[in-house]
Amino acid sequence: MNLSPGLDFETKLVAKVNAAEVLRRELTAPGYSAAIVNLGSATDAYQPVERELRITRSVLQVLAEARHPVAIVTKASLIERDLDLLAPLARQQLAAAFISVTTLDSDLTRTLEPRAAAAARRLRTIETLARAGVPVCVNVAPVIPFVNEPEIERILEAAAAAGATGAFYTVLRLPWEVAPLFRQWLQAHHPQRAERVMNRVRDMREGRDYRAEFGTRMKGSGVWAELIRQRFDKACARFGLGRGRFDLREDLFRPPRVGPQLDLF
């Protein structure tokens, strides 16, 4: 669509306003077999515009009606709005949340994620969800060498204290136009360590800014990727965190109704 991965991505939004309608149609298709739906894996399911459009909520309403398993990835506290849907789903082992916590450093948050919730607010969201019975995994992402990578253990400890029971991570990914955008950010905010950061990124990507091969694109490869994995595994064991998987039920599914729907929520 000829949009940049920077401010265009945040300000020129394309909304799938009929998402719930399409989902309902798909779930009622002959032969449909329930499998976990993941909301937010491509872009956050609770962007600020969701407060007005309520697309994610409408999708959750259809999934709740159908007793369909769902996992949500977000860094936004707006997910708490939908606890009236998520908590009953979780009681049936049909819902889980993955809350992304990139850093506990408020100064780093302001430059790296200037329009996202602060770490303290995200930790409160983990606590709120966990207290409501929704299983929560902390998503430490992206892990950036020499930037937030030293915080891995502290983030996991704070998330476990807030009620998270699982943890997941990804190392920094720089596909296509994202690579020059990130290098600009490094030069603007961490010029003295910029070269060292990029060298370490390339160490984990076989000498390139990014490699997209399945199986390594999320974690990288090589010595430094292995060191991160070992640190992460040891910290998870220390703080009692599972490795980011929840077994959600797929056997309770029932096709949702078709035709005009009453809003019961």
C-alpha atoms as a PDB file:
ATOM      1  CA  MET A   1       0.000   0.000   0.000  1.00  0.00           C
ATOM      2  CA  ASN A   2       3.090   2.200  -0.293  1.00  0.00           C
ATOM      3  CA  LEU A   3       3.098   3.022   3.429  1.00  0.00           C
ATOM      4  CA  SER A   4       6.223   3.316   5.556  1.00  0.00           C
ATOM      5  CA  PRO A   5       6.845   1.003   8.542  1.00  0.00           C
ATOM      6  CA  GLY A   6       7.294   4.102  10.725  1.00  0.00           C
ATOM      7  CA  LEU A   7       4.663   6.762  11.374  1.00  0.00           C
ATOM      8  CA  ASP A   8       2.509   5.561   8.458  1.00  0.00           C
ATOM      9  CA  PHE A   9       2.108   2.245  10.263  1.00  0.00           C
ATOM     10  CA  GLU A  10       0.810   4.052  13.348  1.00  0.00           C
ATOM     11  CA  THR A  11      -1.299   6.762  11.738  1.00  0.00           C
ATOM     12  CA  LYS A  12      -2.688   5.428   8.448  1.00  0.00           C
ATOM     13  CA  LEU A  13      -4.838   2.564   9.624  1.00  0.00           C
ATOM     14  CA  VAL A  14      -6.911   0.136   7.598  1.00  0.00           C
ATOM     15  CA  ALA A  15      -9.681  -1.307   9.750  1.00  0.00           C
ATOM     16  CA  LYS A  16     -11.398  -4.616   9.043  1.00  0.00           C
ATOM     17  CA  VAL A  17     -14.729  -3.321  10.284  1.00  0.00           C
ATOM     18  CA  ASN A  18     -16.597  -6.471   9.198  1.00  0.00           C
ATOM     19  CA  ALA A  19     -14.164  -8.872  10.870  1.00  0.00           C
ATOM     20  CA  ALA A  20     -16.755 -10.350  13.240  1.00  0.00           C
ATOM     21  CA  GLU A  21     -19.228 -10.875  10.409  1.00  0.00           C
ATOM     22  CA  VAL A  22     -16.628 -12.669   8.293  1.00  0.00           C
ATOM     23  CA  LEU A  23     -15.489 -14.741  11.276  1.00  0.00           C
ATOM     24  CA  ARG A  24     -19.064 -15.827  12.005  1.00  0.00           C
ATOM     25  CA  ARG A  25     -19.440 -16.934   8.394  1.00  0.00           C
ATOM     26  CA  GLU A  26     -16.189 -18.902   8.509  1.00  0.00           C
ATOM     27  CA  LEU A  27     -17.081 -20.639  11.767  1.00  0.00           C
ATOM     28  CA  THR A  28     -20.390 -21.817  10.343  1.00  0.00           C
ATOM     29  CA  ALA A  29     -18.842 -23.243   7.165  1.00  0.00           C
ATOM     30  CA  PRO A  30     -19.494 -26.960   6.677  1.00  0.00           C
ATOM     31  CA  GLY A  31     -16.668 -29.084   7.990  1.00  0.00           C
ATOM     32  CA  TYR A  32     -15.047 -26.318  10.038  1.00  0.00           C
ATOM     33  CA  SER A  33     -12.840 -27.764  12.802  1.00  0.00           C
ATOM     34  CA  ALA A  34     -11.911 -25.556  15.743  1.00  0.00           C
ATOM     35  CA  ALA A  35      -8.255 -24.633  16.263  1.00  0.00           C
ATOM     36  CA  ILE A  36      -6.793 -21.849  18.378  1.00  0.00           C
ATOM     37  CA  VAL A  37      -7.253 -18.369  16.920  1.00  0.00           C
ATOM     38  CA  ASN A  38      -4.397 -15.986  17.734  1.00  0.00           C
ATOM     39  CA  LEU A  39      -5.375 -12.310  17.863  1.00  0.00           C
ATOM     40  CA  GLY A  40      -2.531  -9.800  17.692  1.00  0.00           C
ATOM     41  CA  SER A  41       0.271 -11.875  16.202  1.00  0.00           C
ATOM     42  CA  ALA A  42       0.665  -9.545  13.207  1.00  0.00           C
ATOM     43  CA  THR A  43      -0.253  -6.245  14.850  1.00  0.00           C
ATOM     44  CA  ASP A  44      -1.643  -5.384  18.275  1.00  0.00           C
ATOM     45  CA  ALA A  45      -5.286  -6.362  18.740  1.00  0.00           C
ATOM     46  CA  TYR A  46      -5.769  -3.440  21.148  1.00  0.00           C
ATOM     47  CA  GLN A  47      -4.476  -0.436  19.256  1.00  0.00           C
ATOM     48  CA  PRO A  48      -5.895   2.899  20.513  1.00  0.00           C
ATOM     49  CA  VAL A  49      -8.492   2.974  17.703  1.00  0.00           C
ATOM     50  CA  GLU A  50     -10.024  -0.191  19.174  1.00  0.00           C
ATOM     51  CA  ARG A  51     -11.583   1.975  21.901  1.00  0.00           C
ATOM     52  CA  GLU A  52     -13.839   3.443  19.234  1.00  0.00           C
ATOM     53  CA  LEU A  53     -14.182   0.669  16.645  1.00  0.00           C
ATOM     54  CA  ARG A  54     -14.455  -2.259  19.093  1.00  0.00           C
ATOM     55  CA  ILE A  55     -13.476  -4.735  16.379  1.00  0.00           C
ATOM     56  CA  THR A  56     -11.482  -6.991  18.684  1.00  0.00           C
ATOM     57  CA  ARG A  57     -14.357  -7.053  21.138  1.00  0.00           C
ATOM     58  CA  SER A  58     -16.847  -8.001  18.425  1.00  0.00           C
ATOM     59  CA  VAL A  59     -14.551 -10.840  17.355  1.00  0.00           C
ATOM     60  CA  LEU A  60     -14.313 -12.045  20.953  1.00  0.00           C
ATOM     61  CA  GLN A  61     -18.089 -11.991  21.227  1.00  0.00           C
ATOM     62  CA  VAL A  62     -18.378 -14.375  18.278  1.00  0.00           C
ATOM     63  CA  LEU A  63     -15.651 -16.637  19.682  1.00  0.00           C
ATOM     64  CA  ALA A  64     -17.326 -16.663  23.103  1.00  0.00           C
ATOM     65  CA  GLU A  65     -20.660 -17.584  21.555  1.00  0.00           C
ATOM     66  CA  ALA A  66     -18.999 -20.416  19.664  1.00  0.00           C
ATOM     67  CA  ARG A  67     -16.912 -21.558  22.661  1.00  0.00           C
ATOM     68  CA  HIS A  68     -13.849 -21.244  20.443  1.00  0.00           C
ATOM     69  CA  PRO A  69     -10.266 -21.191  21.843  1.00  0.00           C
ATOM     70  CA  VAL A  70      -8.444 -17.869  21.515  1.00  0.00           C
ATOM     71  CA  ALA A  71      -5.058 -16.447  22.466  1.00  0.00           C
ATOM     72  CA  ILE A  72      -4.365 -12.716  22.476  1.00  0.00           C
ATOM     73  CA  VAL A  73      -0.999 -10.959  22.104  1.00  0.00           C
ATOM     74  CA  THR A  74      -0.927  -7.328  23.219  1.00  0.00           C
ATOM     75  CA  LYS A  75       1.034  -4.682  25.068  1.00  0.00           C
ATOM     76  CA  ALA A  76      -2.087  -2.586  25.786  1.00  0.00           C
ATOM     77  CA  SER A  77      -4.042  -2.387  29.021  1.00  0.00           C
ATOM     78  CA  LEU A  78      -7.242  -2.047  26.973  1.00  0.00           C
ATOM     79  CA  ILE A  79      -7.490  -5.830  27.081  1.00  0.00           C
ATOM     80  CA  GLU A  80      -8.839  -5.398  30.623  1.00  0.00           C
ATOM     81  CA  ARG A  81     -12.026  -3.938  29.138  1.00  0.00           C
ATOM     82  CA  ASP A  82     -12.915  -7.362  27.756  1.00  0.00           C
ATOM     83  CA  LEU A  83     -12.473  -9.356  30.942  1.00  0.00           C
ATOM     84  CA  ASP A  84     -16.221  -9.951  30.988  1.00  0.00           C
ATOM     85  CA  LEU A  85     -15.663 -12.103  27.892  1.00  0.00           C
ATOM     86  CA  LEU A  86     -12.182 -13.461  28.580  1.00  0.00           C
ATOM     87  CA  ALA A  87     -12.713 -14.615  32.173  1.00  0.00           C
ATOM     88  CA  PRO A  88     -15.670 -16.929  31.327  1.00  0.00           C
ATOM     89  CA  LEU A  89     -13.716 -18.268  28.347  1.00  0.00           C
ATOM     90  CA  ALA A  90     -10.707 -18.908  30.576  1.00  0.00           C
ATOM     91  CA  ARG A  91     -12.860 -20.830  33.057  1.00  0.00           C
ATOM     92  CA  GLN A  92     -13.654 -23.197  30.186  1.00  0.00           C
ATOM     93  CA  GLN A  93      -9.952 -23.401  29.252  1.00  0.00           C
ATOM     94  CA  LEU A  94     -10.646 -21.427  26.076  1.00  0.00           C
ATOM     95  CA  ALA A  95      -8.596 -18.230  26.491  1.00  0.00           C
ATOM     96  CA  ALA A  96      -5.059 -17.100  27.274  1.00  0.00           C
ATOM     97  CA  ALA A  97      -3.214 -13.787  27.067  1.00  0.00           C
ATOM     98  CA  PHE A  98       0.347 -12.937  26.037  1.00  0.00           C
ATOM     99  CA  ILE A  99       1.407  -9.538  27.390  1.00  0.00           C
ATOM    100  CA  SER A 100       4.505  -8.035  25.765  1.00  0.00           C
ATOM    101  CA  VAL A 101       6.981  -6.421  28.147  1.00  0.00           C
ATOM    102  CA  THR A 102       9.982  -5.003  26.304  1.00  0.00           C
ATOM    103  CA  THR A 103      11.777  -3.205  29.124  1.00  0.00           C
ATOM    104  CA  LEU A 104      11.389  -2.074  32.730  1.00  0.00           C
ATOM    105  CA  ASP A 105      13.402   1.093  32.013  1.00  0.00           C
ATOM    106  CA  SER A 106      11.001   4.036  31.703  1.00  0.00           C
ATOM    107  CA  ASP A 107      13.550   6.126  29.770  1.00  0.00           C
ATOM    108  CA  LEU A 108      14.043   3.349  27.231  1.00  0.00           C
ATOM    109  CA  THR A 109      10.275   2.887  26.929  1.00  0.00           C
ATOM    110  CA  ARG A 110       9.825   6.545  26.024  1.00  0.00           C
ATOM    111  CA  THR A 111      12.210   6.269  23.084  1.00  0.00           C
ATOM    112  CA  LEU A 112      11.603   2.691  21.957  1.00  0.00           C
ATOM    113  CA  GLU A 113       7.809   2.570  22.408  1.00  0.00           C
ATOM    114  CA  PRO A 114       6.777   6.197  22.920  1.00  0.00           C
ATOM    115  CA  ARG A 115       3.032   5.661  22.547  1.00  0.00           C
ATOM    116  CA  ALA A 116       2.731   2.337  24.365  1.00  0.00           C
ATOM    117  CA  ALA A 117       1.843   1.672  27.996  1.00  0.00           C
ATOM    118  CA  ALA A 118       4.646   1.896  30.544  1.00  0.00           C
ATOM    119  CA  ALA A 119       6.085  -1.321  31.940  1.00  0.00           C
ATOM    120  CA  ALA A 120       4.437  -0.778  35.331  1.00  0.00           C
ATOM    121  CA  ARG A 121       1.053  -0.526  33.624  1.00  0.00           C
ATOM    122  CA  ARG A 122       1.647  -3.721  31.655  1.00  0.00           C
ATOM    123  CA  LEU A 123       2.617  -5.551  34.829  1.00  0.00           C
ATOM    124  CA  ARG A 124      -0.638  -4.376  36.423  1.00  0.00           C
ATOM    125  CA  THR A 125      -2.470  -5.755  33.397  1.00  0.00           C
ATOM    126  CA  ILE A 126      -0.785  -9.128  33.930  1.00  0.00           C
ATOM    127  CA  GLU A 127      -1.889  -9.018  37.565  1.00  0.00           C
ATOM    128  CA  THR A 128      -5.471  -8.020  36.666  1.00  0.00           C
ATOM    129  CA  LEU A 129      -5.825 -10.802  34.112  1.00  0.00           C
ATOM    130  CA  ALA A 130      -4.264 -13.403  36.370  1.00  0.00           C
ATOM    131  CA  ARG A 131      -6.532 -12.489  39.280  1.00  0.00           C
ATOM    132  CA  ALA A 132      -9.538 -12.861  36.967  1.00  0.00           C
ATOM    133  CA  GLY A 133      -8.422 -16.381  36.114  1.00  0.00           C
ATOM    134  CA  VAL A 134      -7.017 -15.696  32.651  1.00  0.00           C
ATOM    135  CA  PRO A 135      -3.700 -17.534  32.164  1.00  0.00           C
ATOM    136  CA  VAL A 136      -0.991 -15.041  31.217  1.00  0.00           C
ATOM    137  CA  CYS A 137       2.324 -15.441  29.455  1.00  0.00           C
ATOM    138  CA  VAL A 138       4.863 -12.615  29.376  1.00  0.00           C
ATOM    139  CA  ASN A 139       6.258 -12.001  25.912  1.00  0.00           C
ATOM    140  CA  VAL A 140       9.784 -10.547  26.160  1.00  0.00           C
ATOM    141  CA  ALA A 141      10.063  -9.044  22.701  1.00  0.00           C
ATOM    142  CA  PRO A 142      12.024  -7.969  20.909  1.00  0.00           C
ATOM    143  CA  VAL A 143      15.257  -8.863  22.667  1.00  0.00           C
ATOM    144  CA  ILE A 144      17.774  -6.273  21.427  1.00  0.00           C
ATOM    145  CA  PRO A 145      21.448  -6.959  22.209  1.00  0.00           C
ATOM    146  CA  PHE A 146      23.005  -4.384  24.567  1.00  0.00           C
ATOM    147  CA  VAL A 147      19.714  -2.434  24.719  1.00  0.00           C
ATOM    148  CA  ASN A 148      17.089  -4.421  26.637  1.00  0.00           C
ATOM    149  CA  GLU A 149      18.861  -7.787  26.508  1.00  0.00           C
ATOM    150  CA  PRO A 150      20.539  -7.168  29.933  1.00  0.00           C
ATOM    151  CA  GLU A 151      17.043  -6.974  31.455  1.00  0.00           C
ATOM    152  CA  ILE A 152      15.831 -10.456  30.510  1.00  0.00           C
ATOM    153  CA  GLU A 153      16.037 -11.850  34.038  1.00  0.00           C
ATOM    154  CA  ARG A 154      14.529  -8.760  35.684  1.00  0.00           C
ATOM    155  CA  ILE A 155      11.564  -8.711  33.282  1.00  0.00           C
ATOM    156  CA  LEU A 156      10.840 -12.380  33.918  1.00  0.00           C
ATOM    157  CA  GLU A 157      11.080 -11.933  37.681  1.00  0.00           C
ATOM    158  CA  ALA A 158       8.681  -8.958  37.628  1.00  0.00           C
ATOM    159  CA  ALA A 159       6.205 -10.766  35.377  1.00  0.00           C
ATOM    160  CA  ALA A 160       6.204 -13.870  37.562  1.00  0.00           C
ATOM    161  CA  ALA A 161       5.614 -11.715  40.636  1.00  0.00           C
ATOM    162  CA  ALA A 162       2.637 -10.129  38.849  1.00  0.00           C
ATOM    163  CA  GLY A 163       1.052 -13.506  38.166  1.00  0.00           C
ATOM    164  CA  ALA A 164       2.357 -14.657  34.788  1.00  0.00           C
ATOM    165  CA  THR A 165       2.741 -18.426  34.569  1.00  0.00           C
ATOM    166  CA  GLY A 166       4.497 -18.658  31.215  1.00  0.00           C
ATOM    167  CA  ALA A 167       7.130 -16.810  29.200  1.00  0.00           C
ATOM    168  CA  PHE A 168       8.162 -16.438  25.593  1.00  0.00           C
ATOM    169  CA  TYR A 169      10.724 -14.329  23.748  1.00  0.00           C
ATOM    170  CA  THR A 170      11.821 -13.310  20.280  1.00  0.00           C
ATOM    171  CA  VAL A 171      15.059 -11.684  19.242  1.00  0.00           C
ATOM    172  CA  LEU A 172      15.012  -8.506  17.174  1.00  0.00           C
ATOM    173  CA  ARG A 173      13.729  -8.996  13.632  1.00  0.00           C
ATOM    174  CA  LEU A 174      14.638  -6.479  10.917  1.00  0.00           C
ATOM    175  CA  PRO A 175      12.855  -7.454   7.691  1.00  0.00           C
ATOM    176  CA  TRP A 176      12.747  -5.173   4.674  1.00  0.00           C
ATOM    177  CA  GLU A 177      12.191  -1.476   5.475  1.00  0.00           C
ATOM    178  CA  VAL A 178      12.369  -2.060   9.236  1.00  0.00           C
ATOM    179  CA  ALA A 179      16.176  -2.430   9.184  1.00  0.00           C
ATOM    180  CA  PRO A 180      17.024   1.160   8.130  1.00  0.00           C
ATOM    181  CA  LEU A 181      14.328   2.477  10.465  1.00  0.00           C
ATOM    182  CA  PHE A 182      15.938   0.672  13.406  1.00  0.00           C
ATOM    183  CA  ARG A 183      19.419   1.838  12.445  1.00  0.00           C
ATOM    184  CA  GLN A 184      18.147   5.421  12.425  1.00  0.00           C
ATOM    185  CA  TRP A 185      16.723   4.883  15.898  1.00  0.00           C
ATOM    186  CA  LEU A 186      20.049   3.489  17.123  1.00  0.00           C
ATOM    187  CA  GLN A 187      21.997   6.446  15.774  1.00  0.00           C
ATOM    188  CA  ALA A 188      19.549   8.884  17.340  1.00  0.00           C
ATOM    189  CA  HIS A 189      19.362   7.327  20.802  1.00  0.00           C
ATOM    190  CA  HIS A 190      22.393   5.032  21.242  1.00  0.00           C
ATOM    191  CA  PRO A 191      25.062   6.245  18.808  1.00  0.00           C
ATOM    192  CA  GLN A 192      27.994   4.992  20.886  1.00  0.00           C
ATOM    193  CA  ARG A 193      26.747   1.419  20.904  1.00  0.00           C
ATOM    194  CA  ALA A 194      25.012   1.354  17.507  1.00  0.00           C
ATOM    195  CA  GLU A 195      27.758  -0.545  15.688  1.00  0.00           C
ATOM    196  CA  ARG A 196      28.099  -3.069  18.514  1.00  0.00           C
ATOM    197  CA  VAL A 197      24.346  -3.713  18.540  1.00  0.00           C
ATOM    198  CA  MET A 198      24.181  -4.275  14.788  1.00  0.00           C
ATOM    199  CA  ASN A 199      27.238  -6.531  14.860  1.00  0.00           C
ATOM    200  CA  ARG A 200      25.568  -8.709  17.465  1.00  0.00           C
ATOM    201  CA  VAL A 201      22.309  -8.757  15.485  1.00  0.00           C
ATOM    202  CA  ARG A 202      24.227  -9.987  12.447  1.00  0.00           C
ATOM    203  CA  ASP A 203      26.016 -12.590  14.592  1.00  0.00           C
ATOM    204  CA  MET A 204      22.571 -14.095  15.272  1.00  0.00           C
ATOM    205  CA  ARG A 205      21.481 -13.824  11.614  1.00  0.00           C
ATOM    206  CA  GLU A 206      24.444 -15.478   9.887  1.00  0.00           C
ATOM    207  CA  GLY A 207      26.057 -12.185   8.964  1.00  0.00           C
ATOM    208  CA  ARG A 208      22.917 -10.423   7.716  1.00  0.00           C
ATOM    209  CA  ASP A 209      20.467  -7.980   9.240  1.00  0.00           C
ATOM    210  CA  TYR A 210      17.717 -10.577   8.984  1.00  0.00           C
ATOM    211  CA  ARG A 211      17.038 -14.116   7.872  1.00  0.00           C
ATOM    212  CA  ALA A 212      13.449 -15.271   7.479  1.00  0.00           C
ATOM    213  CA  GLU A 213      13.891 -19.041   7.583  1.00  0.00           C
ATOM    214  CA  PHE A 214      11.237 -20.781   9.649  1.00  0.00           C
ATOM    215  CA  GLY A 215      12.644 -22.191  12.869  1.00  0.00           C
ATOM    216  CA  THR A 216      15.315 -19.529  13.348  1.00  0.00           C
ATOM    217  CA  ARG A 217      13.669 -16.221  12.429  1.00  0.00           C
ATOM    218  CA  MET A 218      12.165 -15.786  15.903  1.00  0.00           C
ATOM    219  CA  LYS A 219      15.204 -16.841  17.953  1.00  0.00           C
ATOM    220  CA  GLY A 220      18.215 -16.419  15.674  1.00  0.00           C
ATOM    221  CA  SER A 221      21.103 -18.844  15.500  1.00  0.00           C
ATOM    222  CA  GLY A 222      24.726 -19.093  16.541  1.00  0.00           C
ATOM    223  CA  VAL A 223      26.592 -18.584  19.807  1.00  0.00           C
ATOM    224  CA  TRP A 224      24.864 -15.399  20.950  1.00  0.00           C
ATOM    225  CA  ALA A 225      21.398 -16.707  20.189  1.00  0.00           C
ATOM    226  CA  GLU A 226      22.227 -19.816  22.203  1.00  0.00           C
ATOM    227  CA  LEU A 227      23.451 -17.733  25.143  1.00  0.00           C
ATOM    228  CA  ILE A 228      20.175 -15.799  25.183  1.00  0.00           C
ATOM    229  CA  ARG A 229      18.228 -19.054  25.070  1.00  0.00           C
ATOM    230  CA  GLN A 230      20.202 -20.486  27.999  1.00  0.00           C
ATOM    231  CA  ARG A 231      19.716 -17.353  30.094  1.00  0.00           C
ATOM    232  CA  PHE A 232      16.019 -17.311  29.318  1.00  0.00           C
ATOM    233  CA  ASP A 233      15.555 -20.996  30.163  1.00  0.00           C
ATOM    234  CA  LYS A 234      17.440 -20.686  33.451  1.00  0.00           C
ATOM    235  CA  ALA A 235      15.491 -17.591  34.481  1.00  0.00           C
ATOM    236  CA  CYS A 236      12.170 -19.268  33.653  1.00  0.00           C
ATOM    237  CA  ALA A 237      13.134 -22.244  35.805  1.00  0.00           C
ATOM    238  CA  ARG A 238      14.198 -19.942  38.647  1.00  0.00           C
ATOM    239  CA  PHE A 239      10.936 -17.991  38.643  1.00  0.00           C
ATOM    240  CA  GLY A 240       8.597 -20.906  37.946  1.00  0.00           C
ATOM    241  CA  LEU A 241       7.563 -19.861  34.446  1.00  0.00           C
ATOM    242  CA  GLY A 242       6.526 -22.328  31.770  1.00  0.00           C
ATOM    243  CA  ARG A 243       7.722 -21.930  28.214  1.00  0.00           C
ATOM    244  CA  GLY A 244       4.859 -19.924  26.735  1.00  0.00           C
ATOM    245  CA  ARG A 245       2.331 -22.587  25.791  1.00  0.00           C
ATOM    246  CA  PHE A 246      -1.165 -23.062  27.150  1.00  0.00           C
ATOM    247  CA  ASP A 247      -3.288 -26.106  26.372  1.00  0.00           C
ATOM    248  CA  LEU A 248      -6.631 -24.672  25.296  1.00  0.00           C
ATOM    249  CA  ARG A 249      -9.605 -26.877  24.587  1.00  0.00           C
ATOM    250  CA  GLU A 250     -10.856 -27.338  21.044  1.00  0.00           C
ATOM    251  CA  ASP A 251     -13.609 -29.851  21.787  1.00  0.00           C
ATOM    252  CA  LEU A 252     -16.232 -27.418  23.126  1.00  0.00           C
ATOM    253  CA  PHE A 253     -16.811 -25.645  19.842  1.00  0.00           C
ATOM    254  CA  ARG A 254     -20.335 -25.121  18.574  1.00  0.00           C
ATOM    255  CA  PRO A 255     -21.085 -23.118  15.409  1.00  0.00           C
ATOM    256  CA  PRO A 256     -22.399 -19.632  16.188  1.00  0.00           C
ATOM    257  CA  ARG A 257     -25.827 -18.505  15.111  1.00  0.00           C
ATOM    258  CA  VAL A 258     -26.314 -16.951  11.694  1.00  0.00           C
ATOM    259  CA  GLY A 259     -28.511 -14.017  10.719  1.00  0.00           C
ATOM    260  CA  PRO A 260     -29.218 -10.871  12.754  1.00  0.00           C
ATOM    261  CA  GLN A 261     -27.641 -11.033  16.185  1.00  0.00           C
ATOM    262  CA  LEU A 262     -28.678  -9.450  19.448  1.00  0.00           C
ATOM    263  CA  ASP A 263     -25.869  -7.842  21.422  1.00  0.00           C
ATOM    264  CA  LEU A 264     -25.940  -9.801  24.652  1.00  0.00           C
ATOM    265  CA  PHE A 265     -22.792  -8.205  25.985  1.00  0.00           C
END
